[in-house]
Amino acid sequence: MAFAVARTPDEALLYAELAPCEDCGALATEWKQGLTSVDGELAISYLAACPGCGAGRELLFGMPAQETAPGPFPTFGGEEPSEIFDAGQWLEIADNAARDVPIDDAAEAGRRLALARAAVDEVVKFIPAGEHAVPDDAFWTEQGSRLRAGEPGRFRLERLLVVRDSYRGDA
């Protein structure tokens, strides 16, 4: 059984934080990471108890072929695009992070802007060399496809780079 690869712990934890409980819709915040074997395949496991209904939750991710060097938060992956978030989901993550930047907490503002900037960088990774926009096959979720259908111009390389650069923390 093949699992989508989480390239780094930051990417896996972001996915876990955004994945609602299938039973009640609550978000679990106390995830425990470990390694497990499923049908002889090594996988990264995240376990939690739902804070809303108490249901046990498990998320499984494939092991990356190459380890990404740890870096400052957020470090989502190397040169390759994500397998667990599509391009539209990454742009929505950037939008949400940038929308909630506090004006009275410089550290948290820097963290959110770094998240928004890194999420836009993840969208850019879906654009093949020499191309100028995110291709159709980079949208495989309903959520991501809906964002692309509503605002296709947001997925042009030039526009993505302008948006990313606007999320500098020193501006």
N, C-alpha and C. Protein backbone atom coordinates (compact mmCIF):
# COMPACT_ATOMS: atom_id res chain seq x y z
N MET A 1 0.85 -1.18 0.00
CA MET A 1 0.00 0.00 0.00
C MET A 1 0.89 1.24 0.00
N ALA A 2 0.77 2.06 -1.00
CA ALA A 2 1.58 3.28 -1.10
C ALA A 2 0.85 4.44 -0.42
N PHE A 3 1.60 5.21 0.33
CA PHE A 3 1.06 6.39 1.00
C PHE A 3 1.65 7.63 0.37
N ALA A 4 0.89 8.71 0.36
CA ALA A 4 1.43 9.98 -0.10
C ALA A 4 2.60 10.35 0.81
N VAL A 5 3.64 10.88 0.22
CA VAL A 5 4.86 11.20 0.96
C VAL A 5 4.75 12.58 1.60
N ALA A 6 5.04 12.63 2.90
CA ALA A 6 5.23 13.90 3.59
C ALA A 6 6.73 14.16 3.56
N ARG A 7 7.14 15.21 2.89
CA ARG A 7 8.56 15.45 2.67
C ARG A 7 9.30 15.85 3.93
N THR A 8 8.60 16.49 4.87
CA THR A 8 9.22 16.93 6.12
C THR A 8 8.19 16.84 7.24
N PRO A 9 8.66 16.84 8.50
CA PRO A 9 7.70 16.90 9.61
C PRO A 9 6.81 18.14 9.57
N ASP A 10 7.33 19.29 9.13
CA ASP A 10 6.49 20.49 9.05
C ASP A 10 5.32 20.28 8.10
N GLU A 11 5.56 19.62 6.96
CA GLU A 11 4.48 19.37 6.00
C GLU A 11 3.47 18.39 6.58
N ALA A 12 3.94 17.33 7.22
CA ALA A 12 3.03 16.35 7.81
C ALA A 12 2.20 16.97 8.92
N LEU A 13 2.83 17.76 9.78
CA LEU A 13 2.08 18.39 10.88
C LEU A 13 1.08 19.41 10.37
N LEU A 14 1.42 20.15 9.33
CA LEU A 14 0.46 21.09 8.75
C LEU A 14 -0.76 20.33 8.23
N TYR A 15 -0.52 19.23 7.54
CA TYR A 15 -1.62 18.41 7.05
C TYR A 15 -2.46 17.91 8.22
N ALA A 16 -1.80 17.41 9.26
CA ALA A 16 -2.51 16.89 10.43
C ALA A 16 -3.35 17.98 11.10
N GLU A 17 -2.78 19.18 11.22
CA GLU A 17 -3.50 20.28 11.85
C GLU A 17 -4.73 20.71 11.07
N LEU A 18 -4.71 20.50 9.75
CA LEU A 18 -5.82 20.93 8.90
C LEU A 18 -6.82 19.83 8.60
N ALA A 19 -6.53 18.60 9.04
CA ALA A 19 -7.41 17.46 8.75
C ALA A 19 -8.43 17.30 9.87
N PRO A 20 -9.71 17.58 9.60
CA PRO A 20 -10.73 17.45 10.65
C PRO A 20 -11.04 15.99 10.96
N CYS A 21 -11.52 15.75 12.17
CA CYS A 21 -11.97 14.42 12.57
C CYS A 21 -13.12 13.99 11.65
N GLU A 22 -13.04 12.77 11.16
CA GLU A 22 -14.10 12.27 10.27
C GLU A 22 -15.42 12.07 11.00
N ASP A 23 -15.37 11.91 12.33
CA ASP A 23 -16.60 11.68 13.10
C ASP A 23 -17.31 12.97 13.50
N CYS A 24 -16.53 13.98 13.97
CA CYS A 24 -17.20 15.17 14.49
C CYS A 24 -16.71 16.48 13.88
N GLY A 25 -15.64 16.45 13.09
CA GLY A 25 -15.15 17.65 12.44
C GLY A 25 -14.16 18.47 13.24
N ALA A 26 -13.90 18.08 14.49
CA ALA A 26 -12.94 18.83 15.32
C ALA A 26 -11.52 18.62 14.80
N LEU A 27 -10.65 19.53 15.17
CA LEU A 27 -9.25 19.42 14.79
C LEU A 27 -8.44 18.94 15.99
N ALA A 28 -7.62 17.91 15.78
CA ALA A 28 -6.76 17.39 16.85
C ALA A 28 -5.48 18.21 16.89
N THR A 29 -5.00 18.49 18.08
CA THR A 29 -3.80 19.30 18.19
C THR A 29 -2.63 18.56 18.83
N GLU A 30 -2.86 17.46 19.45
CA GLU A 30 -1.80 16.73 20.15
C GLU A 30 -1.39 15.50 19.37
N TRP A 31 -0.69 15.67 18.27
CA TRP A 31 -0.27 14.56 17.42
C TRP A 31 1.04 13.99 17.93
N LYS A 32 1.15 12.66 17.90
CA LYS A 32 2.39 11.96 18.25
C LYS A 32 2.90 11.25 17.01
N GLN A 33 4.16 11.51 16.69
CA GLN A 33 4.77 10.95 15.49
C GLN A 33 5.54 9.68 15.81
N GLY A 34 5.50 8.74 14.88
CA GLY A 34 6.29 7.53 15.01
C GLY A 34 6.42 6.84 13.67
N LEU A 35 7.14 5.74 13.66
CA LEU A 35 7.27 4.92 12.46
C LEU A 35 6.45 3.66 12.66
N THR A 36 5.88 3.16 11.59
CA THR A 36 5.09 1.94 11.64
C THR A 36 5.31 1.17 10.34
N SER A 37 4.90 -0.07 10.34
CA SER A 37 4.96 -0.88 9.14
C SER A 37 3.54 -1.29 8.77
N VAL A 38 3.16 -1.04 7.53
CA VAL A 38 1.84 -1.40 7.03
C VAL A 38 2.05 -2.30 5.81
N ASP A 39 1.61 -3.53 5.92
CA ASP A 39 1.80 -4.51 4.84
C ASP A 39 3.26 -4.56 4.38
N GLY A 40 4.18 -4.50 5.35
CA GLY A 40 5.60 -4.59 5.05
C GLY A 40 6.23 -3.30 4.56
N GLU A 41 5.45 -2.24 4.47
CA GLU A 41 5.98 -0.95 4.01
C GLU A 41 6.14 -0.01 5.19
N LEU A 42 7.32 0.59 5.33
CA LEU A 42 7.58 1.53 6.39
C LEU A 42 6.82 2.83 6.11
N ALA A 43 6.16 3.36 7.14
CA ALA A 43 5.38 4.59 6.99
C ALA A 43 5.57 5.46 8.22
N ILE A 44 5.35 6.75 8.05
CA ILE A 44 5.36 7.69 9.16
C ILE A 44 3.93 7.79 9.67
N SER A 45 3.76 7.61 10.97
CA SER A 45 2.43 7.59 11.58
C SER A 45 2.27 8.79 12.51
N TYR A 46 1.12 9.43 12.41
CA TYR A 46 0.73 10.48 13.35
C TYR A 46 -0.54 10.02 14.04
N LEU A 47 -0.50 9.95 15.37
CA LEU A 47 -1.63 9.48 16.17
C LEU A 47 -2.13 10.60 17.06
N ALA A 48 -3.45 10.62 17.29
CA ALA A 48 -4.06 11.61 18.17
C ALA A 48 -5.42 11.11 18.63
N ALA A 49 -5.87 11.66 19.74
CA ALA A 49 -7.25 11.47 20.18
C ALA A 49 -7.99 12.76 19.85
N CYS A 50 -9.14 12.63 19.22
CA CYS A 50 -9.92 13.80 18.85
C CYS A 50 -10.35 14.55 20.11
N PRO A 51 -10.11 15.87 20.18
CA PRO A 51 -10.54 16.64 21.34
C PRO A 51 -12.06 16.82 21.41
N GLY A 52 -12.74 16.60 20.29
CA GLY A 52 -14.19 16.78 20.25
C GLY A 52 -14.97 15.56 20.68
N CYS A 53 -14.59 14.38 20.14
CA CYS A 53 -15.39 13.17 20.42
C CYS A 53 -14.57 12.04 21.03
N GLY A 54 -13.26 12.22 21.14
CA GLY A 54 -12.42 11.19 21.74
C GLY A 54 -12.00 10.07 20.80
N ALA A 55 -12.43 10.11 19.56
CA ALA A 55 -12.08 9.05 18.61
C ALA A 55 -10.57 9.03 18.37
N GLY A 56 -10.03 7.83 18.25
CA GLY A 56 -8.62 7.70 17.89
C GLY A 56 -8.43 8.06 16.43
N ARG A 57 -7.36 8.77 16.13
CA ARG A 57 -7.08 9.19 14.76
C ARG A 57 -5.68 8.77 14.39
N GLU A 58 -5.51 8.38 13.13
CA GLU A 58 -4.19 8.04 12.62
C GLU A 58 -4.06 8.55 11.19
N LEU A 59 -2.95 9.18 10.93
CA LEU A 59 -2.60 9.61 9.58
C LEU A 59 -1.30 8.92 9.21
N LEU A 60 -1.24 8.37 8.01
CA LEU A 60 -0.05 7.65 7.55
C LEU A 60 0.52 8.33 6.32
N PHE A 61 1.84 8.46 6.30
CA PHE A 61 2.54 9.08 5.18
C PHE A 61 3.68 8.18 4.75
N GLY A 62 3.96 8.21 3.45
CA GLY A 62 5.11 7.48 2.93
C GLY A 62 6.41 8.16 3.33
N MET A 63 7.47 7.38 3.30
CA MET A 63 8.80 7.91 3.61
C MET A 63 9.36 8.61 2.36
N PRO A 64 9.96 9.78 2.54
CA PRO A 64 10.56 10.45 1.38
C PRO A 64 11.77 9.67 0.88
N ALA A 65 11.98 9.68 -0.43
CA ALA A 65 13.14 8.98 -1.01
C ALA A 65 14.43 9.65 -0.57
N GLN A 66 14.38 10.96 -0.38
CA GLN A 66 15.56 11.71 0.04
C GLN A 66 15.15 12.62 1.17
N GLU A 67 15.95 12.64 2.22
CA GLU A 67 15.64 13.48 3.38
C GLU A 67 15.91 14.94 3.05
N THR A 68 14.99 15.81 3.48
CA THR A 68 15.18 17.25 3.34
C THR A 68 15.88 17.75 4.59
N ALA A 69 16.94 18.50 4.40
CA ALA A 69 17.69 19.02 5.55
C ALA A 69 16.79 19.89 6.41
N PRO A 70 16.88 19.72 7.73
CA PRO A 70 16.06 20.55 8.61
C PRO A 70 16.45 22.02 8.47
N GLY A 71 15.48 22.87 8.64
CA GLY A 71 15.72 24.30 8.54
C GLY A 71 14.76 25.02 9.46
N PRO A 72 14.76 26.33 9.39
CA PRO A 72 13.83 27.09 10.22
C PRO A 72 12.39 26.85 9.76
N PHE A 73 11.45 27.05 10.67
CA PHE A 73 10.04 26.89 10.32
C PHE A 73 9.66 27.96 9.31
N PRO A 74 8.91 27.60 8.31
CA PRO A 74 8.50 26.26 7.92
C PRO A 74 9.41 25.69 6.83
N THR A 75 9.71 24.43 6.94
CA THR A 75 10.47 23.71 5.92
C THR A 75 9.56 22.60 5.41
N PHE A 76 9.02 22.77 4.22
CA PHE A 76 8.03 21.81 3.71
C PHE A 76 8.61 20.77 2.77
N GLY A 77 9.73 21.03 2.14
CA GLY A 77 10.29 20.03 1.24
C GLY A 77 11.37 20.60 0.36
N GLY A 78 11.92 19.73 -0.47
CA GLY A 78 12.99 20.11 -1.38
C GLY A 78 12.43 20.72 -2.65
N GLU A 79 13.03 20.37 -3.76
CA GLU A 79 12.64 20.93 -5.06
C GLU A 79 11.34 20.34 -5.60
N GLU A 80 11.00 19.13 -5.18
CA GLU A 80 9.83 18.44 -5.72
C GLU A 80 8.54 18.98 -5.11
N PRO A 81 7.44 18.97 -5.89
CA PRO A 81 6.16 19.44 -5.34
C PRO A 81 5.57 18.43 -4.36
N SER A 82 4.66 18.91 -3.58
CA SER A 82 3.98 18.11 -2.56
C SER A 82 3.12 17.01 -3.16
N GLU A 83 2.99 15.92 -2.42
CA GLU A 83 2.05 14.86 -2.76
C GLU A 83 0.81 14.90 -1.88
N ILE A 84 0.85 15.68 -0.79
CA ILE A 84 -0.29 15.67 0.13
C ILE A 84 -1.16 16.92 0.02
N PHE A 85 -0.62 18.01 -0.50
CA PHE A 85 -1.41 19.21 -0.78
C PHE A 85 -1.28 19.51 -2.27
N ASP A 86 -2.38 19.88 -2.92
CA ASP A 86 -2.26 20.30 -4.31
C ASP A 86 -1.97 21.81 -4.36
N ALA A 87 -1.75 22.33 -5.56
CA ALA A 87 -1.36 23.73 -5.71
C ALA A 87 -2.42 24.69 -5.16
N GLY A 88 -3.69 24.38 -5.37
CA GLY A 88 -4.75 25.23 -4.85
C GLY A 88 -4.81 25.24 -3.34
N GLN A 89 -4.60 24.08 -2.73
CA GLN A 89 -4.59 24.01 -1.27
C GLN A 89 -3.44 24.83 -0.69
N TRP A 90 -2.26 24.76 -1.32
CA TRP A 90 -1.13 25.56 -0.84
C TRP A 90 -1.46 27.05 -0.91
N LEU A 91 -2.10 27.49 -2.00
CA LEU A 91 -2.41 28.91 -2.10
C LEU A 91 -3.44 29.31 -1.05
N GLU A 92 -4.38 28.43 -0.76
CA GLU A 92 -5.34 28.74 0.30
C GLU A 92 -4.66 28.79 1.67
N ILE A 93 -3.68 27.94 1.90
CA ILE A 93 -2.89 27.99 3.14
C ILE A 93 -2.19 29.34 3.25
N ALA A 94 -1.60 29.79 2.15
CA ALA A 94 -0.94 31.11 2.13
C ALA A 94 -1.94 32.22 2.42
N ASP A 95 -3.09 32.15 1.77
CA ASP A 95 -4.13 33.17 1.99
C ASP A 95 -4.54 33.24 3.45
N ASN A 96 -4.79 32.09 4.05
CA ASN A 96 -5.24 32.04 5.44
C ASN A 96 -4.17 32.55 6.39
N ALA A 97 -2.92 32.18 6.15
CA ALA A 97 -1.83 32.65 7.01
C ALA A 97 -1.67 34.17 6.91
N ALA A 98 -1.71 34.70 5.70
CA ALA A 98 -1.53 36.14 5.50
C ALA A 98 -2.72 36.95 6.00
N ARG A 99 -3.89 36.36 5.97
CA ARG A 99 -5.10 37.05 6.42
C ARG A 99 -5.09 37.28 7.93
N ASP A 100 -4.44 36.41 8.67
CA ASP A 100 -4.49 36.46 10.13
C ASP A 100 -3.21 36.99 10.78
N VAL A 101 -2.48 37.86 10.11
CA VAL A 101 -1.23 38.39 10.67
C VAL A 101 -1.57 39.43 11.74
N PRO A 102 -1.15 39.18 12.99
CA PRO A 102 -1.45 40.15 14.06
C PRO A 102 -0.56 41.39 13.94
N ILE A 103 -1.07 42.51 14.38
CA ILE A 103 -0.28 43.74 14.34
C ILE A 103 0.43 44.01 15.66
N ASP A 104 0.05 43.29 16.72
CA ASP A 104 0.61 43.55 18.04
C ASP A 104 1.54 42.45 18.56
N ASP A 105 1.92 41.50 17.71
CA ASP A 105 2.80 40.41 18.11
C ASP A 105 3.77 40.14 16.96
N ALA A 106 4.94 40.77 17.03
CA ALA A 106 5.90 40.70 15.93
C ALA A 106 6.36 39.27 15.65
N ALA A 107 6.56 38.47 16.70
CA ALA A 107 7.02 37.09 16.50
C ALA A 107 5.98 36.27 15.75
N GLU A 108 4.73 36.39 16.17
CA GLU A 108 3.65 35.64 15.50
C GLU A 108 3.42 36.18 14.09
N ALA A 109 3.54 37.48 13.91
CA ALA A 109 3.40 38.05 12.57
C ALA A 109 4.48 37.49 11.64
N GLY A 110 5.71 37.41 12.13
CA GLY A 110 6.80 36.85 11.34
C GLY A 110 6.57 35.39 11.00
N ARG A 111 6.05 34.64 11.96
CA ARG A 111 5.76 33.22 11.74
C ARG A 111 4.69 33.04 10.66
N ARG A 112 3.64 33.83 10.74
CA ARG A 112 2.55 33.71 9.76
C ARG A 112 2.98 34.16 8.37
N LEU A 113 3.76 35.22 8.31
CA LEU A 113 4.26 35.66 7.00
C LEU A 113 5.23 34.63 6.41
N ALA A 114 6.04 34.00 7.26
CA ALA A 114 6.95 32.95 6.78
C ALA A 114 6.14 31.77 6.24
N LEU A 115 5.06 31.42 6.93
CA LEU A 115 4.19 30.34 6.46
C LEU A 115 3.56 30.70 5.12
N ALA A 116 3.05 31.91 5.00
CA ALA A 116 2.43 32.35 3.75
C ALA A 116 3.44 32.34 2.61
N ARG A 117 4.63 32.85 2.86
CA ARG A 117 5.69 32.89 1.85
C ARG A 117 6.09 31.47 1.42
N ALA A 118 6.28 30.59 2.39
CA ALA A 118 6.66 29.20 2.08
C ALA A 118 5.56 28.47 1.33
N ALA A 119 4.30 28.74 1.67
CA ALA A 119 3.19 28.09 0.97
C ALA A 119 3.13 28.53 -0.49
N VAL A 120 3.38 29.81 -0.76
CA VAL A 120 3.42 30.26 -2.16
C VAL A 120 4.60 29.60 -2.88
N ASP A 121 5.74 29.47 -2.21
CA ASP A 121 6.87 28.76 -2.82
C ASP A 121 6.48 27.34 -3.20
N GLU A 122 5.63 26.70 -2.38
CA GLU A 122 5.17 25.34 -2.69
C GLU A 122 4.30 25.32 -3.94
N VAL A 123 3.49 26.35 -4.15
CA VAL A 123 2.69 26.43 -5.38
C VAL A 123 3.62 26.52 -6.59
N VAL A 124 4.65 27.34 -6.49
CA VAL A 124 5.59 27.54 -7.59
C VAL A 124 6.28 26.23 -7.98
N LYS A 125 6.51 25.34 -7.02
CA LYS A 125 7.17 24.06 -7.32
C LYS A 125 6.38 23.20 -8.30
N PHE A 126 5.10 23.44 -8.45
CA PHE A 126 4.28 22.68 -9.40
C PHE A 126 4.47 23.15 -10.84
N ILE A 127 5.08 24.31 -11.04
CA ILE A 127 5.24 24.86 -12.39
C ILE A 127 6.48 24.25 -13.04
N PRO A 128 6.31 23.53 -14.15
CA PRO A 128 7.47 22.94 -14.83
C PRO A 128 8.42 24.02 -15.34
N ALA A 129 9.70 23.66 -15.41
CA ALA A 129 10.72 24.59 -15.92
C ALA A 129 10.30 25.09 -17.30
N GLY A 130 10.43 26.40 -17.49
CA GLY A 130 10.10 27.01 -18.77
C GLY A 130 8.64 27.35 -18.95
N GLU A 131 7.79 26.94 -18.03
CA GLU A 131 6.36 27.24 -18.12
C GLU A 131 6.06 28.49 -17.29
N HIS A 132 4.85 29.02 -17.46
CA HIS A 132 4.50 30.28 -16.80
C HIS A 132 3.27 30.19 -15.91
N ALA A 133 2.74 28.97 -15.73
CA ALA A 133 1.55 28.81 -14.89
C ALA A 133 1.51 27.39 -14.35
N VAL A 134 0.77 27.23 -13.28
CA VAL A 134 0.58 25.90 -12.69
C VAL A 134 -0.28 25.07 -13.65
N PRO A 135 0.16 23.85 -14.00
CA PRO A 135 -0.60 23.02 -14.94
C PRO A 135 -1.84 22.39 -14.30
N ASP A 136 -2.76 21.96 -15.14
CA ASP A 136 -4.02 21.37 -14.67
C ASP A 136 -3.82 20.19 -13.73
N ASP A 137 -2.81 19.36 -13.98
CA ASP A 137 -2.64 18.15 -13.16
C ASP A 137 -2.12 18.44 -11.75
N ALA A 138 -1.85 19.69 -11.43
CA ALA A 138 -1.42 20.07 -10.09
C ALA A 138 -2.60 20.35 -9.16
N PHE A 139 -3.82 20.12 -9.66
CA PHE A 139 -5.04 20.33 -8.87
C PHE A 139 -5.80 19.02 -8.83
N TRP A 140 -5.75 18.31 -7.71
CA TRP A 140 -6.43 17.01 -7.63
C TRP A 140 -7.47 16.94 -6.52
N THR A 141 -7.63 18.01 -5.77
CA THR A 141 -8.68 18.03 -4.75
C THR A 141 -9.79 18.97 -5.19
N GLU A 142 -10.97 18.75 -4.65
CA GLU A 142 -12.10 19.64 -4.94
C GLU A 142 -11.79 21.06 -4.48
N GLN A 143 -11.19 21.16 -3.30
CA GLN A 143 -10.84 22.46 -2.72
C GLN A 143 -9.88 23.22 -3.63
N GLY A 144 -8.81 22.57 -4.06
CA GLY A 144 -7.83 23.23 -4.92
C GLY A 144 -8.39 23.56 -6.29
N SER A 145 -9.15 22.64 -6.85
CA SER A 145 -9.75 22.86 -8.17
C SER A 145 -10.74 24.02 -8.15
N ARG A 146 -11.48 24.14 -7.07
CA ARG A 146 -12.46 25.23 -6.94
C ARG A 146 -11.74 26.59 -6.91
N LEU A 147 -10.63 26.67 -6.17
CA LEU A 147 -9.88 27.93 -6.11
C LEU A 147 -9.32 28.29 -7.49
N ARG A 148 -8.80 27.30 -8.19
CA ARG A 148 -8.26 27.54 -9.54
C ARG A 148 -9.36 27.98 -10.49
N ALA A 149 -10.51 27.32 -10.45
CA ALA A 149 -11.61 27.67 -11.35
C ALA A 149 -12.11 29.09 -11.10
N GLY A 150 -12.12 29.50 -9.84
CA GLY A 150 -12.61 30.82 -9.49
C GLY A 150 -11.65 31.95 -9.82
N GLU A 151 -10.35 31.66 -9.74
CA GLU A 151 -9.34 32.70 -9.96
C GLU A 151 -8.11 32.11 -10.65
N PRO A 152 -8.23 31.70 -11.91
CA PRO A 152 -7.10 31.04 -12.58
C PRO A 152 -5.86 31.92 -12.71
N GLY A 153 -6.02 33.22 -12.79
CA GLY A 153 -4.88 34.12 -12.92
C GLY A 153 -3.95 34.11 -11.73
N ARG A 154 -4.46 33.71 -10.58
CA ARG A 154 -3.63 33.66 -9.37
C ARG A 154 -2.54 32.59 -9.47
N PHE A 155 -2.64 31.70 -10.45
CA PHE A 155 -1.68 30.60 -10.57
C PHE A 155 -0.66 30.83 -11.67
N ARG A 156 -0.55 32.09 -12.13
CA ARG A 156 0.50 32.45 -13.08
C ARG A 156 1.78 32.73 -12.29
N LEU A 157 2.91 32.30 -12.82
CA LEU A 157 4.19 32.41 -12.12
C LEU A 157 4.50 33.84 -11.71
N GLU A 158 4.37 34.78 -12.62
CA GLU A 158 4.70 36.17 -12.31
C GLU A 158 3.88 36.69 -11.13
N ARG A 159 2.62 36.39 -11.13
CA ARG A 159 1.74 36.85 -10.05
C ARG A 159 2.09 36.16 -8.73
N LEU A 160 2.38 34.87 -8.78
CA LEU A 160 2.76 34.14 -7.57
C LEU A 160 4.02 34.74 -6.94
N LEU A 161 4.99 35.09 -7.76
CA LEU A 161 6.23 35.65 -7.22
C LEU A 161 6.00 37.02 -6.59
N VAL A 162 5.13 37.83 -7.18
CA VAL A 162 4.80 39.13 -6.59
C VAL A 162 4.12 38.94 -5.23
N VAL A 163 3.17 38.01 -5.18
CA VAL A 163 2.47 37.75 -3.92
C VAL A 163 3.46 37.24 -2.87
N ARG A 164 4.29 36.27 -3.25
CA ARG A 164 5.27 35.73 -2.31
C ARG A 164 6.15 36.83 -1.75
N ASP A 165 6.66 37.68 -2.62
CA ASP A 165 7.56 38.74 -2.18
C ASP A 165 6.86 39.77 -1.30
N SER A 166 5.55 39.90 -1.43
CA SER A 166 4.80 40.84 -0.58
C SER A 166 4.69 40.33 0.85
N TYR A 167 4.99 39.07 1.08
CA TYR A 167 4.91 38.49 2.42
C TYR A 167 6.22 38.57 3.18
N ARG A 168 7.10 39.46 2.78
CA ARG A 168 8.35 39.65 3.52
C ARG A 168 8.02 40.18 4.90
N GLY A 169 8.71 39.69 5.90
CA GLY A 169 8.47 40.11 7.28
C GLY A 169 9.04 41.46 7.62
N ASP A 170 9.95 41.99 6.81
CA ASP A 170 10.57 43.28 7.13
C ASP A 170 9.88 44.46 6.45
N ALA A 171 8.79 44.17 5.75
CA ALA A 171 8.09 45.25 5.03
C ALA A 171 7.24 46.08 5.96
